[in-house]
C-alpha cells in the first residue's frame, strides 16, 4: 500500500488534532469538517479500501465503529445522534486510500443518500 497523509499524521510528521488513540487505531478532527463535529477514525493496520479488508480482519471495522461510539458518548452527543460513514473508492467519495471512518455530529444531519 502507498504512503498516505494518514501515515504521516500517525507518525506526528504532520500536525493534527488527535482526539483518540489506542494500540489499534487513532482519531483526529477533519481539517475540512462537514459537520460541527467531524472526526476521522483510522486503523493502524493498512488497507487501501474497504474492499481490501479480508474476512479474517473484519474486527478492524468493528473497532473503528465501537471507538466512534465510545467517543460520541464521551463527548456527550451520543443521545442526540451522530452518523458514521465509510467511503470506498472514487465513486464512493474516498480521497485518501487508507480505510477510515467519518464520525459526523453536532447538528441535525438530515436525510442521507441524495446523489452529489
C-alpha atoms as a PDB file:
ATOM      1  CA  UNK A   1       0.000   0.000   0.000  1.00  0.00           C
ATOM      2  CA  UNK A   2       1.212   3.512  -0.783  1.00  0.00           C
ATOM      3  CA  UNK A   3       2.122   6.021   1.894  1.00  0.00           C
ATOM      4  CA  UNK A   4      -0.789   8.335   2.748  1.00  0.00           C
ATOM      5  CA  UNK A   5      -1.243  11.524   4.707  1.00  0.00           C
ATOM      6  CA  UNK A   6      -2.697   9.356   7.500  1.00  0.00           C
ATOM      7  CA  UNK A   7       0.645   7.580   7.922  1.00  0.00           C
ATOM      8  CA  UNK A   8       2.342  10.955   8.364  1.00  0.00           C
ATOM      9  CA  UNK A   9      -0.300  12.071  10.885  1.00  0.00           C
ATOM     10  CA  UNK A  10       0.099   8.838  12.836  1.00  0.00           C
ATOM     11  CA  UNK A  11       3.892   9.365  12.990  1.00  0.00           C
ATOM     12  CA  UNK A  12       3.278  13.013  14.029  1.00  0.00           C
ATOM     13  CA  UNK A  13       5.084  14.322  10.935  1.00  0.00           C
ATOM     14  CA  UNK A  14       2.042  16.429  10.056  1.00  0.00           C
ATOM     15  CA  UNK A  15       0.133  18.269  12.781  1.00  0.00           C
ATOM     16  CA  UNK A  16      -3.389  17.111  13.549  1.00  0.00           C
ATOM     17  CA  UNK A  17      -5.825  17.444  16.423  1.00  0.00           C
ATOM     18  CA  UNK A  18      -5.649  13.823  17.590  1.00  0.00           C
ATOM     19  CA  UNK A  19      -8.554  13.132  19.941  1.00  0.00           C
ATOM     20  CA  UNK A  20      -8.171   9.377  20.486  1.00  0.00           C
ATOM     21  CA  UNK A  21      -5.524   6.687  20.131  1.00  0.00           C
ATOM     22  CA  UNK A  22      -5.045   3.102  21.235  1.00  0.00           C
ATOM     23  CA  UNK A  23      -2.967   0.148  20.023  1.00  0.00           C
ATOM     24  CA  UNK A  24      -5.323  -0.467  17.058  1.00  0.00           C
ATOM     25  CA  UNK A  25      -6.369   2.972  15.776  1.00  0.00           C
ATOM     26  CA  UNK A  26      -6.180   6.715  16.102  1.00  0.00           C
ATOM     27  CA  UNK A  27      -8.700   9.510  15.538  1.00  0.00           C
ATOM     28  CA  UNK A  28      -8.367  13.169  14.663  1.00  0.00           C
ATOM     29  CA  UNK A  29     -10.537  16.131  13.700  1.00  0.00           C
ATOM     30  CA  UNK A  30     -11.053  16.562   9.952  1.00  0.00           C
ATOM     31  CA  UNK A  31      -9.403  19.702   8.569  1.00  0.00           C
ATOM     32  CA  UNK A  32     -12.413  20.335   6.278  1.00  0.00           C
ATOM     33  CA  UNK A  33     -15.341  19.429   8.546  1.00  0.00           C
ATOM     34  CA  UNK A  34     -18.713  18.601   7.033  1.00  0.00           C
ATOM     35  CA  UNK A  35     -20.483  18.967  10.411  1.00  0.00           C
ATOM     36  CA  UNK A  36     -19.707  20.756  13.700  1.00  0.00           C
ATOM     37  CA  UNK A  37     -18.081  17.507  14.856  1.00  0.00           C
ATOM     38  CA  UNK A  38     -16.158  15.622  12.141  1.00  0.00           C
ATOM     39  CA  UNK A  39     -13.610  13.113  13.389  1.00  0.00           C
ATOM     40  CA  UNK A  40     -11.754  10.511  11.305  1.00  0.00           C
ATOM     41  CA  UNK A  41     -11.026   7.103  12.848  1.00  0.00           C
ATOM     42  CA  UNK A  42      -8.116   5.327  11.140  1.00  0.00           C
ATOM     43  CA  UNK A  43      -6.797   1.825  11.819  1.00  0.00           C
ATOM     44  CA  UNK A  44      -3.082   1.343  12.301  1.00  0.00           C
ATOM     45  CA  UNK A  45      -3.348  -1.732  10.096  1.00  0.00           C
ATOM     46  CA  UNK A  46      -3.122  -0.820   6.399  1.00  0.00           C
ATOM     47  CA  UNK A  47      -5.971  -1.449   3.963  1.00  0.00           C
ATOM     48  CA  UNK A  48      -6.423   0.879   0.980  1.00  0.00           C
ATOM     49  CA  UNK A  49     -10.198   0.371   0.636  1.00  0.00           C
ATOM     50  CA  UNK A  50     -12.963  -1.488   2.394  1.00  0.00           C
ATOM     51  CA  UNK A  51     -12.761  -3.997  -0.481  1.00  0.00           C
ATOM     52  CA  UNK A  52      -9.249  -4.900   0.688  1.00  0.00           C
ATOM     53  CA  UNK A  53     -10.233  -5.982   4.210  1.00  0.00           C
ATOM     54  CA  UNK A  54     -10.159  -9.796   4.322  1.00  0.00           C
ATOM     55  CA  UNK A  55     -12.703 -11.746   6.346  1.00  0.00           C
ATOM     56  CA  UNK A  56     -10.092 -12.640   8.950  1.00  0.00           C
ATOM     57  CA  UNK A  57      -9.504  -8.904   9.586  1.00  0.00           C
ATOM     58  CA  UNK A  58     -13.163  -7.874   9.916  1.00  0.00           C
ATOM     59  CA  UNK A  59     -12.566  -6.904  13.557  1.00  0.00           C
ATOM     60  CA  UNK A  60     -10.760  -3.808  12.254  1.00  0.00           C
ATOM     61  CA  UNK A  61     -14.092  -2.377  11.096  1.00  0.00           C
ATOM     62  CA  UNK A  62     -15.767  -3.215  14.395  1.00  0.00           C
ATOM     63  CA  UNK A  63     -13.014  -1.464  16.319  1.00  0.00           C
ATOM     64  CA  UNK A  64     -13.470   1.706  14.257  1.00  0.00           C
ATOM     65  CA  UNK A  65     -17.239   1.714  14.835  1.00  0.00           C
ATOM     66  CA  UNK A  66     -17.078   0.999  18.563  1.00  0.00           C
ATOM     67  CA  UNK A  67     -14.312   3.584  19.089  1.00  0.00           C
ATOM     68  CA  UNK A  68     -16.508   6.161  17.329  1.00  0.00           C
ATOM     69  CA  UNK A  69     -19.461   5.207  19.542  1.00  0.00           C
ATOM     70  CA  UNK A  70     -17.348   5.495  22.705  1.00  0.00           C
ATOM     71  CA  UNK A  71     -16.059   8.879  21.542  1.00  0.00           C
ATOM     72  CA  UNK A  72     -19.613  10.098  20.859  1.00  0.00           C
ATOM     73  CA  UNK A  73     -20.671   9.036  24.349  1.00  0.00           C
ATOM     74  CA  UNK A  74     -17.604  10.607  25.995  1.00  0.00           C
ATOM     75  CA  UNK A  75     -18.280  13.912  24.216  1.00  0.00           C
ATOM     76  CA  UNK A  76     -21.963  13.972  25.207  1.00  0.00           C
ATOM     77  CA  UNK A  77     -23.662  13.782  21.826  1.00  0.00           C
ATOM     78  CA  UNK A  78     -24.451  10.073  21.565  1.00  0.00           C
ATOM     79  CA  UNK A  79     -28.052  10.542  22.708  1.00  0.00           C
ATOM     80  CA  UNK A  80     -28.675  13.421  20.267  1.00  0.00           C
ATOM     81  CA  UNK A  81     -27.328  11.295  17.432  1.00  0.00           C
ATOM     82  CA  UNK A  82     -24.439  11.007  15.045  1.00  0.00           C
ATOM     83  CA  UNK A  83     -23.548   9.431  11.731  1.00  0.00           C
ATOM     84  CA  UNK A  84     -20.661   7.164  10.812  1.00  0.00           C
ATOM     85  CA  UNK A  85     -19.631   6.813   7.171  1.00  0.00           C
ATOM     86  CA  UNK A  86     -17.001   4.832   5.294  1.00  0.00           C
ATOM     87  CA  UNK A  87     -16.329   5.764   1.669  1.00  0.00           C
ATOM     88  CA  UNK A  88     -14.974   3.193  -0.768  1.00  0.00           C
ATOM     89  CA  UNK A  89     -13.143   4.130  -3.987  1.00  0.00           C
ATOM     90  CA  UNK A  90     -13.682   7.177  -6.188  1.00  0.00           C
ATOM     91  CA  UNK A  91     -17.414   6.958  -6.874  1.00  0.00           C
ATOM     92  CA  UNK A  92     -17.961   6.359  -3.160  1.00  0.00           C
ATOM     93  CA  UNK A  93     -16.144   9.577  -2.294  1.00  0.00           C
ATOM     94  CA  UNK A  94     -12.880   8.103  -0.989  1.00  0.00           C
ATOM     95  CA  UNK A  95      -9.964  10.504  -1.472  1.00  0.00           C
ATOM     96  CA  UNK A  96      -7.358   9.022   0.898  1.00  0.00           C
ATOM     97  CA  UNK A  97      -6.690   5.379   0.167  1.00  0.00           C
ATOM     98  CA  UNK A  98      -6.368   4.077   3.698  1.00  0.00           C
ATOM     99  CA  UNK A  99      -9.663   2.909   5.181  1.00  0.00           C
ATOM    100  CA  UNK A 100     -11.132   5.298   7.700  1.00  0.00           C
ATOM    101  CA  UNK A 101     -14.456   6.037   9.318  1.00  0.00           C
ATOM    102  CA  UNK A 102     -16.008   9.501   9.470  1.00  0.00           C
ATOM    103  CA  UNK A 103     -17.931  10.450  12.617  1.00  0.00           C
ATOM    104  CA  UNK A 104     -20.282  13.387  11.972  1.00  0.00           C
ATOM    105  CA  UNK A 105     -22.347  15.074  14.679  1.00  0.00           C
ATOM    106  CA  UNK A 106     -23.210  18.307  16.430  1.00  0.00           C
ATOM    107  CA  UNK A 107     -26.240  19.326  14.345  1.00  0.00           C
ATOM    108  CA  UNK A 108     -29.198  17.669  12.621  1.00  0.00           C
ATOM    109  CA  UNK A 109     -27.660  15.938   9.602  1.00  0.00           C
ATOM    110  CA  UNK A 110     -30.780  15.452   7.522  1.00  0.00           C
ATOM    111  CA  UNK A 111     -31.544  12.578   5.203  1.00  0.00           C
ATOM    112  CA  UNK A 112     -28.742  10.549   3.720  1.00  0.00           C
ATOM    113  CA  UNK A 113     -28.413   9.179   0.208  1.00  0.00           C
ATOM    114  CA  UNK A 114     -29.015  12.119  -2.102  1.00  0.00           C
ATOM    115  CA  UNK A 115     -26.655  11.884  -5.086  1.00  0.00           C
ATOM    116  CA  UNK A 116     -23.992  14.605  -5.068  1.00  0.00           C
END
